[in-house]
């Protein structure tokens, strides 16, 4: 007598109730432990938790939630994006394909971008089978904080101080938009994007460095650091690659955002901001620092390599090939 195969179905929601949120959080934790990488980016996790935007696809085997996809249809320029996860013990049974198919149906114009965290054969195989092409690569780089750090040689005419949430948000957003003009995921940040992060448990104003022109007092650069993983101080927790459910591992510092205004390029400013941030992370007793950088950003990669960062892992984005 053959065992009956579970029925695969999907359910699309624009809001999750507490029980569904708890189940998905547990699913994310289990996948993170199994794969050693969190399956959702910071962007998706913040939207998942806050319920501010995005659509949620629940993947069901019979009535059990074994898959989840977050779908963002708000980017009219780049198109719909999605990130998904399937429970480790429910993989290779068609759930990933069902989640992607549902995400494609939700895309208003048939375009869909899929993020995969970690360059895995499973993600590549799924992308190939559904006619998705590799579109973008995001490097994770790391360095030891035990190794010597460069001095923070602040250029003449520049003052580096702590971020002031009452007065600095507009200036930070302006620099961020210009510095990341070619990367809308980052350059398109709004005041709400900043403020939601200021209320995250990992935020500490001491780790947010602002560079200002001493003559005009204009913000010309910044370095926002964070700490994620096991708690070092009570105010510093963050999941690997994204804030979210607790995932027990050794705490690690992150060069979260490093930006220098291209309209006010000051030689050595990016290096000075980096050095100050890394020194701060070391002062917390951390052993390692990490960062994410677009693989096509040769200028930034050159800076980070000069600071002794090395390539550690790769996140990839696949784009659906419209027939």
C-alpha atoms as a PDB file:
ATOM      1  CA  UNK A   1       0.000   0.000   0.000  1.00  0.00           C
ATOM      2  CA  UNK A   2       1.500   3.306  -1.087  1.00  0.00           C
ATOM      3  CA  UNK A   3       1.608   6.291   1.237  1.00  0.00           C
ATOM      4  CA  UNK A   4      -0.498   9.226   0.167  1.00  0.00           C
ATOM      5  CA  UNK A   5       1.604  12.179  -0.931  1.00  0.00           C
ATOM      6  CA  UNK A   6       0.950  15.503   0.846  1.00  0.00           C
ATOM      7  CA  UNK A   7      -1.054  18.059  -1.107  1.00  0.00           C
ATOM      8  CA  UNK A   8       0.931  21.202  -2.005  1.00  0.00           C
ATOM      9  CA  UNK A   9      -0.935  24.501  -1.869  1.00  0.00           C
ATOM     10  CA  UNK A  10      -0.181  28.190  -1.337  1.00  0.00           C
ATOM     11  CA  UNK A  11      -2.025  30.902   0.536  1.00  0.00           C
ATOM     12  CA  UNK A  12      -1.477  34.626  -0.190  1.00  0.00           C
ATOM     13  CA  UNK A  13      -1.967  37.079   2.678  1.00  0.00           C
ATOM     14  CA  UNK A  14      -1.366  40.784   3.152  1.00  0.00           C
ATOM     15  CA  UNK A  15      -1.205  40.392   6.925  1.00  0.00           C
ATOM     16  CA  UNK A  16      -0.040  37.652   9.278  1.00  0.00           C
ATOM     17  CA  UNK A  17      -1.720  36.858  12.561  1.00  0.00           C
ATOM     18  CA  UNK A  18       0.441  36.174  15.663  1.00  0.00           C
ATOM     19  CA  UNK A  19       0.214  32.392  15.282  1.00  0.00           C
ATOM     20  CA  UNK A  20       1.321  32.535  11.635  1.00  0.00           C
ATOM     21  CA  UNK A  21       4.144  34.922  12.537  1.00  0.00           C
ATOM     22  CA  UNK A  22       5.337  32.575  15.275  1.00  0.00           C
ATOM     23  CA  UNK A  23       5.273  29.616  12.894  1.00  0.00           C
ATOM     24  CA  UNK A  24       7.220  31.473  10.192  1.00  0.00           C
ATOM     25  CA  UNK A  25       9.758  32.693  12.743  1.00  0.00           C
ATOM     26  CA  UNK A  26      10.334  29.096  13.796  1.00  0.00           C
ATOM     27  CA  UNK A  27      10.640  28.073  10.132  1.00  0.00           C
ATOM     28  CA  UNK A  28      13.256  30.792   9.546  1.00  0.00           C
ATOM     29  CA  UNK A  29      15.228  29.720  12.603  1.00  0.00           C
ATOM     30  CA  UNK A  30      15.221  26.072  11.560  1.00  0.00           C
ATOM     31  CA  UNK A  31      16.369  26.924   8.041  1.00  0.00           C
ATOM     32  CA  UNK A  32      19.080  29.219   9.391  1.00  0.00           C
ATOM     33  CA  UNK A  33      20.421  26.491  11.660  1.00  0.00           C
ATOM     34  CA  UNK A  34      20.382  23.957   8.826  1.00  0.00           C
ATOM     35  CA  UNK A  35      21.887  26.175   6.093  1.00  0.00           C
ATOM     36  CA  UNK A  36      24.026  28.415   8.326  1.00  0.00           C
ATOM     37  CA  UNK A  37      22.660  31.470   6.511  1.00  0.00           C
ATOM     38  CA  UNK A  38      19.466  33.428   7.104  1.00  0.00           C
ATOM     39  CA  UNK A  39      17.072  32.998   4.162  1.00  0.00           C
ATOM     40  CA  UNK A  40      15.605  36.517   4.344  1.00  0.00           C
ATOM     41  CA  UNK A  41      17.362  39.836   3.895  1.00  0.00           C
ATOM     42  CA  UNK A  42      17.014  42.699   6.323  1.00  0.00           C
ATOM     43  CA  UNK A  43      14.546  44.405   3.953  1.00  0.00           C
ATOM     44  CA  UNK A  44      12.240  41.390   3.858  1.00  0.00           C
ATOM     45  CA  UNK A  45      12.510  40.665   7.568  1.00  0.00           C
ATOM     46  CA  UNK A  46      11.661  44.223   8.622  1.00  0.00           C
ATOM     47  CA  UNK A  47       8.631  44.229   6.333  1.00  0.00           C
ATOM     48  CA  UNK A  48       7.603  40.783   7.554  1.00  0.00           C
ATOM     49  CA  UNK A  49       7.775  41.798  11.191  1.00  0.00           C
ATOM     50  CA  UNK A  50       6.274  45.280  10.891  1.00  0.00           C
ATOM     51  CA  UNK A  51       3.552  44.309   8.403  1.00  0.00           C
ATOM     52  CA  UNK A  52       4.022  47.682   6.712  1.00  0.00           C
ATOM     53  CA  UNK A  53       4.230  46.403   3.141  1.00  0.00           C
ATOM     54  CA  UNK A  54       4.664  43.286   1.075  1.00  0.00           C
ATOM     55  CA  UNK A  55       2.643  40.168   0.425  1.00  0.00           C
ATOM     56  CA  UNK A  56       3.100  36.874   2.228  1.00  0.00           C
ATOM     57  CA  UNK A  57       2.866  33.474   0.581  1.00  0.00           C
ATOM     58  CA  UNK A  58       2.449  30.512   2.890  1.00  0.00           C
ATOM     59  CA  UNK A  59       3.498  27.171   1.437  1.00  0.00           C
ATOM     60  CA  UNK A  60       1.373  24.318   2.758  1.00  0.00           C
ATOM     61  CA  UNK A  61       1.814  20.550   2.756  1.00  0.00           C
ATOM     62  CA  UNK A  62      -1.759  19.610   3.592  1.00  0.00           C
ATOM     63  CA  UNK A  63      -2.380  22.092   6.427  1.00  0.00           C
ATOM     64  CA  UNK A  64       1.201  22.419   7.663  1.00  0.00           C
ATOM     65  CA  UNK A  65       3.182  25.599   6.894  1.00  0.00           C
ATOM     66  CA  UNK A  66       6.492  24.353   5.488  1.00  0.00           C
ATOM     67  CA  UNK A  67       7.351  27.235   3.154  1.00  0.00           C
ATOM     68  CA  UNK A  68       7.217  31.007   3.090  1.00  0.00           C
ATOM     69  CA  UNK A  69       7.869  33.725   0.517  1.00  0.00           C
ATOM     70  CA  UNK A  70       7.919  37.487   0.991  1.00  0.00           C
ATOM     71  CA  UNK A  71       6.893  39.397  -2.150  1.00  0.00           C
ATOM     72  CA  UNK A  72       7.428  43.120  -2.690  1.00  0.00           C
ATOM     73  CA  UNK A  73       5.545  44.576  -5.664  1.00  0.00           C
ATOM     74  CA  UNK A  74       6.243  48.250  -4.863  1.00  0.00           C
ATOM     75  CA  UNK A  75       9.322  48.796  -7.068  1.00  0.00           C
ATOM     76  CA  UNK A  76       7.875  49.895 -10.403  1.00  0.00           C
ATOM     77  CA  UNK A  77      11.336  50.464 -11.895  1.00  0.00           C
ATOM     78  CA  UNK A  78      13.145  47.222 -11.089  1.00  0.00           C
ATOM     79  CA  UNK A  79      10.039  45.065 -10.786  1.00  0.00           C
ATOM     80  CA  UNK A  80       8.691  42.684  -8.169  1.00  0.00           C
ATOM     81  CA  UNK A  81      11.156  40.952  -5.844  1.00  0.00           C
ATOM     82  CA  UNK A  82      10.761  37.847  -3.714  1.00  0.00           C
ATOM     83  CA  UNK A  83      12.674  35.820  -1.141  1.00  0.00           C
ATOM     84  CA  UNK A  84      11.622  32.368  -0.029  1.00  0.00           C
ATOM     85  CA  UNK A  85      12.403  29.561   2.359  1.00  0.00           C
ATOM     86  CA  UNK A  86      11.330  25.918   2.561  1.00  0.00           C
ATOM     87  CA  UNK A  87      11.654  23.823   5.702  1.00  0.00           C
ATOM     88  CA  UNK A  88      14.770  21.600   5.467  1.00  0.00           C
ATOM     89  CA  UNK A  89      12.739  18.403   5.912  1.00  0.00           C
ATOM     90  CA  UNK A  90      10.234  19.398   3.197  1.00  0.00           C
ATOM     91  CA  UNK A  91      12.594  20.205   0.347  1.00  0.00           C
ATOM     92  CA  UNK A  92      12.801  18.550  -3.075  1.00  0.00           C
ATOM     93  CA  UNK A  93       9.067  17.999  -3.093  1.00  0.00           C
ATOM     94  CA  UNK A  94       7.946  20.881  -5.296  1.00  0.00           C
ATOM     95  CA  UNK A  95       7.291  23.501  -2.617  1.00  0.00           C
ATOM     96  CA  UNK A  96       9.970  25.908  -3.889  1.00  0.00           C
ATOM     97  CA  UNK A  97       8.515  25.792  -7.397  1.00  0.00           C
ATOM     98  CA  UNK A  98       5.006  26.385  -6.033  1.00  0.00           C
ATOM     99  CA  UNK A  99       6.139  29.469  -4.089  1.00  0.00           C
ATOM    100  CA  UNK A 100       7.935  30.943  -7.103  1.00  0.00           C
ATOM    101  CA  UNK A 101       4.971  30.237  -9.396  1.00  0.00           C
ATOM    102  CA  UNK A 102       2.668  32.051  -6.969  1.00  0.00           C
ATOM    103  CA  UNK A 103       5.088  34.990  -6.739  1.00  0.00           C
ATOM    104  CA  UNK A 104       5.099  35.240 -10.527  1.00  0.00           C
ATOM    105  CA  UNK A 105       1.305  35.403 -10.536  1.00  0.00           C
ATOM    106  CA  UNK A 106       1.442  38.280  -8.034  1.00  0.00           C
ATOM    107  CA  UNK A 107       3.866  40.297 -10.167  1.00  0.00           C
ATOM    108  CA  UNK A 108       1.850  42.995 -11.993  1.00  0.00           C
ATOM    109  CA  UNK A 109       3.973  42.969 -15.160  1.00  0.00           C
ATOM    110  CA  UNK A 110       5.380  39.436 -15.135  1.00  0.00           C
ATOM    111  CA  UNK A 111       8.822  40.548 -14.008  1.00  0.00           C
ATOM    112  CA  UNK A 112      10.248  38.907 -10.895  1.00  0.00           C
ATOM    113  CA  UNK A 113      13.575  39.083  -9.090  1.00  0.00           C
ATOM    114  CA  UNK A 114      14.540  36.265  -6.726  1.00  0.00           C
ATOM    115  CA  UNK A 115      17.176  36.680  -4.020  1.00  0.00           C
ATOM    116  CA  UNK A 116      19.132  33.634  -2.857  1.00  0.00           C
ATOM    117  CA  UNK A 117      21.347  34.013   0.201  1.00  0.00           C
ATOM    118  CA  UNK A 118      24.422  31.948  -0.385  1.00  0.00           C
ATOM    119  CA  UNK A 119      25.437  30.694  -3.820  1.00  0.00           C
ATOM    120  CA  UNK A 120      23.939  27.211  -3.501  1.00  0.00           C
ATOM    121  CA  UNK A 121      23.409  24.496  -6.086  1.00  0.00           C
ATOM    122  CA  UNK A 122      19.804  24.138  -4.929  1.00  0.00           C
ATOM    123  CA  UNK A 123      19.002  27.786  -5.638  1.00  0.00           C
ATOM    124  CA  UNK A 124      20.793  27.644  -8.981  1.00  0.00           C
ATOM    125  CA  UNK A 125      18.948  24.480  -9.984  1.00  0.00           C
ATOM    126  CA  UNK A 126      15.560  25.988  -9.088  1.00  0.00           C
ATOM    127  CA  UNK A 127      16.387  29.187 -10.983  1.00  0.00           C
ATOM    128  CA  UNK A 128      17.501  27.256 -14.082  1.00  0.00           C
ATOM    129  CA  UNK A 129      14.393  25.080 -14.090  1.00  0.00           C
ATOM    130  CA  UNK A 130      12.078  28.109 -13.924  1.00  0.00           C
ATOM    131  CA  UNK A 131      13.927  30.202 -16.537  1.00  0.00           C
ATOM    132  CA  UNK A 132      15.591  32.690 -14.211  1.00  0.00           C
ATOM    133  CA  UNK A 133      18.944  34.227 -15.123  1.00  0.00           C
ATOM    134  CA  UNK A 134      21.682  35.378 -12.759  1.00  0.00           C
ATOM    135  CA  UNK A 135      21.392  39.168 -12.588  1.00  0.00           C
ATOM    136  CA  UNK A 136      23.382  40.464  -9.618  1.00  0.00           C
ATOM    137  CA  UNK A 137      25.916  39.231  -7.068  1.00  0.00           C
ATOM    138  CA  UNK A 138      26.432  40.614  -3.587  1.00  0.00           C
ATOM    139  CA  UNK A 139      29.658  39.734  -1.813  1.00  0.00           C
ATOM    140  CA  UNK A 140      29.969  39.162   1.889  1.00  0.00           C
ATOM    141  CA  UNK A 141      33.482  40.079   3.046  1.00  0.00           C
ATOM    142  CA  UNK A 142      35.074  39.526   6.453  1.00  0.00           C
ATOM    143  CA  UNK A 143      38.180  40.386   8.420  1.00  0.00           C
ATOM    144  CA  UNK A 144      39.563  39.621  11.857  1.00  0.00           C
ATOM    145  CA  UNK A 145      39.386  42.392  14.420  1.00  0.00           C
ATOM    146  CA  UNK A 146      42.453  40.886  16.090  1.00  0.00           C
ATOM    147  CA  UNK A 147      44.559  41.936  13.110  1.00  0.00           C
ATOM    148  CA  UNK A 148      46.062  45.454  13.211  1.00  0.00           C
ATOM    149  CA  UNK A 149      43.645  48.229  12.286  1.00  0.00           C
ATOM    150  CA  UNK A 150      44.638  51.263  10.227  1.00  0.00           C
ATOM    151  CA  UNK A 151      44.778  54.624  11.999  1.00  0.00           C
ATOM    152  CA  UNK A 152      41.730  56.859  11.635  1.00  0.00           C
ATOM    153  CA  UNK A 153      43.507  59.720   9.866  1.00  0.00           C
ATOM    154  CA  UNK A 154      40.700  62.251   9.485  1.00  0.00           C
ATOM    155  CA  UNK A 155      41.283  64.542   6.478  1.00  0.00           C
ATOM    156  CA  UNK A 156      41.740  68.278   7.006  1.00  0.00           C
ATOM    157  CA  UNK A 157      38.509  70.219   7.001  1.00  0.00           C
ATOM    158  CA  UNK A 158      36.445  67.248   8.200  1.00  0.00           C
ATOM    159  CA  UNK A 159      34.945  66.492  11.602  1.00  0.00           C
ATOM    160  CA  UNK A 160      33.661  63.015  12.454  1.00  0.00           C
ATOM    161  CA  UNK A 161      31.054  62.907  15.208  1.00  0.00           C
ATOM    162  CA  UNK A 162      28.185  60.746  16.428  1.00  0.00           C
ATOM    163  CA  UNK A 163      24.863  60.657  14.602  1.00  0.00           C
ATOM    164  CA  UNK A 164      22.089  62.874  15.966  1.00  0.00           C
ATOM    165  CA  UNK A 165      18.653  61.362  15.190  1.00  0.00           C
ATOM    166  CA  UNK A 166      16.965  64.732  15.730  1.00  0.00           C
ATOM    167  CA  UNK A 167      18.942  66.645  13.100  1.00  0.00           C
ATOM    168  CA  UNK A 168      20.885  64.279  10.827  1.00  0.00           C
ATOM    169  CA  UNK A 169      18.336  62.079   9.055  1.00  0.00           C
ATOM    170  CA  UNK A 170      17.778  64.391   6.071  1.00  0.00           C
ATOM    171  CA  UNK A 171      21.514  64.838   5.506  1.00  0.00           C
ATOM    172  CA  UNK A 172      22.181  61.106   5.787  1.00  0.00           C
ATOM    173  CA  UNK A 173      19.420  60.344   3.285  1.00  0.00           C
ATOM    174  CA  UNK A 174      20.803  62.891   0.805  1.00  0.00           C
ATOM    175  CA  UNK A 175      24.295  61.397   0.966  1.00  0.00           C
ATOM    176  CA  UNK A 176      22.897  57.862   0.825  1.00  0.00           C
ATOM    177  CA  UNK A 177      20.856  58.651  -2.305  1.00  0.00           C
ATOM    178  CA  UNK A 178      23.832  60.132  -4.154  1.00  0.00           C
ATOM    179  CA  UNK A 179      26.342  57.511  -3.021  1.00  0.00           C
ATOM    180  CA  UNK A 180      24.088  54.604  -4.048  1.00  0.00           C
ATOM    181  CA  UNK A 181      22.332  56.165  -7.027  1.00  0.00           C
ATOM    182  CA  UNK A 182      22.886  52.998  -9.076  1.00  0.00           C
ATOM    183  CA  UNK A 183      21.575  50.668  -6.354  1.00  0.00           C
ATOM    184  CA  UNK A 184      17.906  51.511  -5.717  1.00  0.00           C
ATOM    185  CA  UNK A 185      17.571  48.938  -2.919  1.00  0.00           C
ATOM    186  CA  UNK A 186      19.956  51.080  -0.864  1.00  0.00           C
ATOM    187  CA  UNK A 187      19.826  54.507  -2.518  1.00  0.00           C
ATOM    188  CA  UNK A 188      16.032  54.620  -2.369  1.00  0.00           C
ATOM    189  CA  UNK A 189      15.861  54.672   1.430  1.00  0.00           C
ATOM    190  CA  UNK A 190      13.271  57.030   2.929  1.00  0.00           C
ATOM    191  CA  UNK A 191      12.955  58.626   6.344  1.00  0.00           C
ATOM    192  CA  UNK A 192      10.747  55.712   7.400  1.00  0.00           C
ATOM    193  CA  UNK A 193      13.502  53.268   6.409  1.00  0.00           C
ATOM    194  CA  UNK A 194      15.922  55.101   8.701  1.00  0.00           C
ATOM    195  CA  UNK A 195      13.508  55.456  11.607  1.00  0.00           C
ATOM    196  CA  UNK A 196      12.452  51.811  11.664  1.00  0.00           C
ATOM    197  CA  UNK A 197      16.115  50.862  12.019  1.00  0.00           C
ATOM    198  CA  UNK A 198      16.657  53.389  14.802  1.00  0.00           C
ATOM    199  CA  UNK A 199      14.096  51.432  16.818  1.00  0.00           C
ATOM    200  CA  UNK A 200      15.770  48.065  16.259  1.00  0.00           C
ATOM    201  CA  UNK A 201      17.320  46.454  19.338  1.00  0.00           C
ATOM    202  CA  UNK A 202      20.758  46.455  17.718  1.00  0.00           C
ATOM    203  CA  UNK A 203      20.865  50.238  17.163  1.00  0.00           C
ATOM    204  CA  UNK A 204      23.457  52.173  19.145  1.00  0.00           C
ATOM    205  CA  UNK A 205      24.153  55.817  18.367  1.00  0.00           C
ATOM    206  CA  UNK A 206      27.797  55.323  19.413  1.00  0.00           C
ATOM    207  CA  UNK A 207      28.298  53.130  16.343  1.00  0.00           C
ATOM    208  CA  UNK A 208      26.908  55.632  13.821  1.00  0.00           C
ATOM    209  CA  UNK A 209      29.642  58.004  12.609  1.00  0.00           C
ATOM    210  CA  UNK A 210      28.875  61.214  10.710  1.00  0.00           C
ATOM    211  CA  UNK A 211      31.468  63.146   8.675  1.00  0.00           C
ATOM    212  CA  UNK A 212      30.797  66.871   8.265  1.00  0.00           C
ATOM    213  CA  UNK A 213      32.518  69.680   6.377  1.00  0.00           C
ATOM    214  CA  UNK A 214      33.862  71.985   9.089  1.00  0.00           C
ATOM    215  CA  UNK A 215      33.222  75.087   6.970  1.00  0.00           C
ATOM    216  CA  UNK A 216      29.601  74.395   6.003  1.00  0.00           C
ATOM    217  CA  UNK A 217      28.625  71.786   8.636  1.00  0.00           C
ATOM    218  CA  UNK A 218      27.133  69.764   5.761  1.00  0.00           C
ATOM    219  CA  UNK A 219      27.114  65.980   6.093  1.00  0.00           C
ATOM    220  CA  UNK A 220      29.510  64.550   3.497  1.00  0.00           C
ATOM    221  CA  UNK A 221      29.740  60.928   4.591  1.00  0.00           C
ATOM    222  CA  UNK A 222      28.799  58.403   7.232  1.00  0.00           C
ATOM    223  CA  UNK A 223      29.571  54.952   8.566  1.00  0.00           C
ATOM    224  CA  UNK A 224      26.763  53.048  10.281  1.00  0.00           C
ATOM    225  CA  UNK A 225      27.915  49.940  12.144  1.00  0.00           C
ATOM    226  CA  UNK A 226      25.916  47.209  13.796  1.00  0.00           C
ATOM    227  CA  UNK A 227      26.459  44.107  15.880  1.00  0.00           C
ATOM    228  CA  UNK A 228      24.559  40.916  15.237  1.00  0.00           C
ATOM    229  CA  UNK A 229      24.490  37.464  16.693  1.00  0.00           C
ATOM    230  CA  UNK A 230      24.843  36.625  20.375  1.00  0.00           C
ATOM    231  CA  UNK A 231      24.517  39.562  22.710  1.00  0.00           C
ATOM    232  CA  UNK A 232      27.685  41.463  23.480  1.00  0.00           C
ATOM    233  CA  UNK A 233      25.864  44.330  25.119  1.00  0.00           C
ATOM    234  CA  UNK A 234      22.172  44.269  25.869  1.00  0.00           C
ATOM    235  CA  UNK A 235      21.488  46.740  23.054  1.00  0.00           C
ATOM    236  CA  UNK A 236      23.219  44.714  20.327  1.00  0.00           C
ATOM    237  CA  UNK A 237      21.425  41.788  18.712  1.00  0.00           C
ATOM    238  CA  UNK A 238      20.992  41.046  15.044  1.00  0.00           C
ATOM    239  CA  UNK A 239      20.519  37.947  12.898  1.00  0.00           C
ATOM    240  CA  UNK A 240      23.142  37.011  10.286  1.00  0.00           C
ATOM    241  CA  UNK A 241      22.726  39.244   7.285  1.00  0.00           C
ATOM    242  CA  UNK A 242      19.443  40.581   8.636  1.00  0.00           C
ATOM    243  CA  UNK A 243      17.831  41.407  11.933  1.00  0.00           C
ATOM    244  CA  UNK A 244      15.302  38.925  13.076  1.00  0.00           C
ATOM    245  CA  UNK A 245      14.669  35.882  15.209  1.00  0.00           C
ATOM    246  CA  UNK A 246      17.479  34.903  17.549  1.00  0.00           C
ATOM    247  CA  UNK A 247      20.105  32.694  15.980  1.00  0.00           C
ATOM    248  CA  UNK A 248      22.755  31.634  18.446  1.00  0.00           C
ATOM    249  CA  UNK A 249      26.273  32.169  17.187  1.00  0.00           C
ATOM    250  CA  UNK A 250      29.249  34.256  18.107  1.00  0.00           C
ATOM    251  CA  UNK A 251      28.551  37.969  17.771  1.00  0.00           C
ATOM    252  CA  UNK A 252      30.051  39.699  14.757  1.00  0.00           C
ATOM    253  CA  UNK A 253      30.367  43.373  13.860  1.00  0.00           C
ATOM    254  CA  UNK A 254      29.184  44.765  10.553  1.00  0.00           C
ATOM    255  CA  UNK A 255      30.072  47.671   8.313  1.00  0.00           C
ATOM    256  CA  UNK A 256      26.360  48.213   7.767  1.00  0.00           C
ATOM    257  CA  UNK A 257      26.454  51.281   5.503  1.00  0.00           C
ATOM    258  CA  UNK A 258      29.541  53.228   4.453  1.00  0.00           C
ATOM    259  CA  UNK A 259      28.845  56.208   2.202  1.00  0.00           C
ATOM    260  CA  UNK A 260      30.823  59.201   0.979  1.00  0.00           C
ATOM    261  CA  UNK A 261      29.045  61.975  -0.912  1.00  0.00           C
ATOM    262  CA  UNK A 262      30.280  61.864  -4.531  1.00  0.00           C
ATOM    263  CA  UNK A 263      29.722  65.628  -4.724  1.00  0.00           C
ATOM    264  CA  UNK A 264      32.211  66.188  -1.878  1.00  0.00           C
ATOM    265  CA  UNK A 265      34.923  63.616  -2.437  1.00  0.00           C
ATOM    266  CA  UNK A 266      37.638  64.044   0.159  1.00  0.00           C
ATOM    267  CA  UNK A 267      40.681  61.779  -0.291  1.00  0.00           C
ATOM    268  CA  UNK A 268      40.963  59.338   2.588  1.00  0.00           C
ATOM    269  CA  UNK A 269      37.503  60.008   4.048  1.00  0.00           C
ATOM    270  CA  UNK A 270      36.091  56.543   3.359  1.00  0.00           C
ATOM    271  CA  UNK A 271      39.157  54.936   4.898  1.00  0.00           C
ATOM    272  CA  UNK A 272      39.000  57.168   7.977  1.00  0.00           C
ATOM    273  CA  UNK A 273      35.302  56.422   8.510  1.00  0.00           C
ATOM    274  CA  UNK A 274      35.982  52.702   8.076  1.00  0.00           C
ATOM    275  CA  UNK A 275      38.841  52.756  10.581  1.00  0.00           C
ATOM    276  CA  UNK A 276      36.759  54.563  13.198  1.00  0.00           C
ATOM    277  CA  UNK A 277      33.925  52.077  12.832  1.00  0.00           C
ATOM    278  CA  UNK A 278      36.198  49.037  12.997  1.00  0.00           C
ATOM    279  CA  UNK A 279      37.941  50.438  16.071  1.00  0.00           C
ATOM    280  CA  UNK A 280      34.548  50.890  17.709  1.00  0.00           C
ATOM    281  CA  UNK A 281      33.545  47.292  16.900  1.00  0.00           C
ATOM    282  CA  UNK A 282      36.810  45.999  18.320  1.00  0.00           C
ATOM    283  CA  UNK A 283      36.219  48.000  21.523  1.00  0.00           C
ATOM    284  CA  UNK A 284      33.076  45.900  22.084  1.00  0.00           C
ATOM    285  CA  UNK A 285      35.207  42.780  22.333  1.00  0.00           C
ATOM    286  CA  UNK A 286      34.200  41.406  18.935  1.00  0.00           C
ATOM    287  CA  UNK A 287      36.474  39.021  17.066  1.00  0.00           C
ATOM    288  CA  UNK A 288      35.314  39.606  13.471  1.00  0.00           C
ATOM    289  CA  UNK A 289      33.763  42.215  11.189  1.00  0.00           C
ATOM    290  CA  UNK A 290      31.752  41.659   8.015  1.00  0.00           C
ATOM    291  CA  UNK A 291      30.129  43.692   5.261  1.00  0.00           C
ATOM    292  CA  UNK A 292      28.122  43.352   2.066  1.00  0.00           C
ATOM    293  CA  UNK A 293      29.191  44.960  -1.197  1.00  0.00           C
ATOM    294  CA  UNK A 294      27.943  44.670  -4.753  1.00  0.00           C
ATOM    295  CA  UNK A 295      30.358  42.503  -6.726  1.00  0.00           C
ATOM    296  CA  UNK A 296      30.428  45.112  -9.498  1.00  0.00           C
ATOM    297  CA  UNK A 297      31.568  47.913  -7.148  1.00  0.00           C
ATOM    298  CA  UNK A 298      35.288  47.634  -7.836  1.00  0.00           C
ATOM    299  CA  UNK A 299      36.120  50.910  -6.071  1.00  0.00           C
ATOM    300  CA  UNK A 300      34.522  49.790  -2.804  1.00  0.00           C
ATOM    301  CA  UNK A 301      36.001  46.291  -3.017  1.00  0.00           C
ATOM    302  CA  UNK A 302      39.453  47.817  -3.503  1.00  0.00           C
ATOM    303  CA  UNK A 303      38.993  49.897  -0.343  1.00  0.00           C
ATOM    304  CA  UNK A 304      37.810  46.919   1.684  1.00  0.00           C
ATOM    305  CA  UNK A 305      40.617  44.697   0.447  1.00  0.00           C
ATOM    306  CA  UNK A 306      43.100  47.390   1.488  1.00  0.00           C
ATOM    307  CA  UNK A 307      41.493  47.161   4.942  1.00  0.00           C
ATOM    308  CA  UNK A 308      42.214  43.387   4.948  1.00  0.00           C
ATOM    309  CA  UNK A 309      38.683  42.208   4.224  1.00  0.00           C
ATOM    310  CA  UNK A 310      38.445  39.032   2.130  1.00  0.00           C
ATOM    311  CA  UNK A 311      35.606  37.487   0.128  1.00  0.00           C
ATOM    312  CA  UNK A 312      33.608  35.134   2.364  1.00  0.00           C
ATOM    313  CA  UNK A 313      30.313  34.277   0.624  1.00  0.00           C
ATOM    314  CA  UNK A 314      27.969  35.472  -2.145  1.00  0.00           C
ATOM    315  CA  UNK A 315      24.275  36.336  -2.294  1.00  0.00           C
ATOM    316  CA  UNK A 316      22.768  36.279  -5.760  1.00  0.00           C
ATOM    317  CA  UNK A 317      19.727  37.733  -7.483  1.00  0.00           C
ATOM    318  CA  UNK A 318      17.997  35.955 -10.352  1.00  0.00           C
ATOM    319  CA  UNK A 319      15.715  37.746 -12.795  1.00  0.00           C
ATOM    320  CA  UNK A 320      12.891  36.024 -14.642  1.00  0.00           C
ATOM    321  CA  UNK A 321      13.395  35.845 -18.389  1.00  0.00           C
ATOM    322  CA  UNK A 322      10.147  37.075 -19.907  1.00  0.00           C
ATOM    323  CA  UNK A 323       9.295  35.199 -23.104  1.00  0.00           C
END
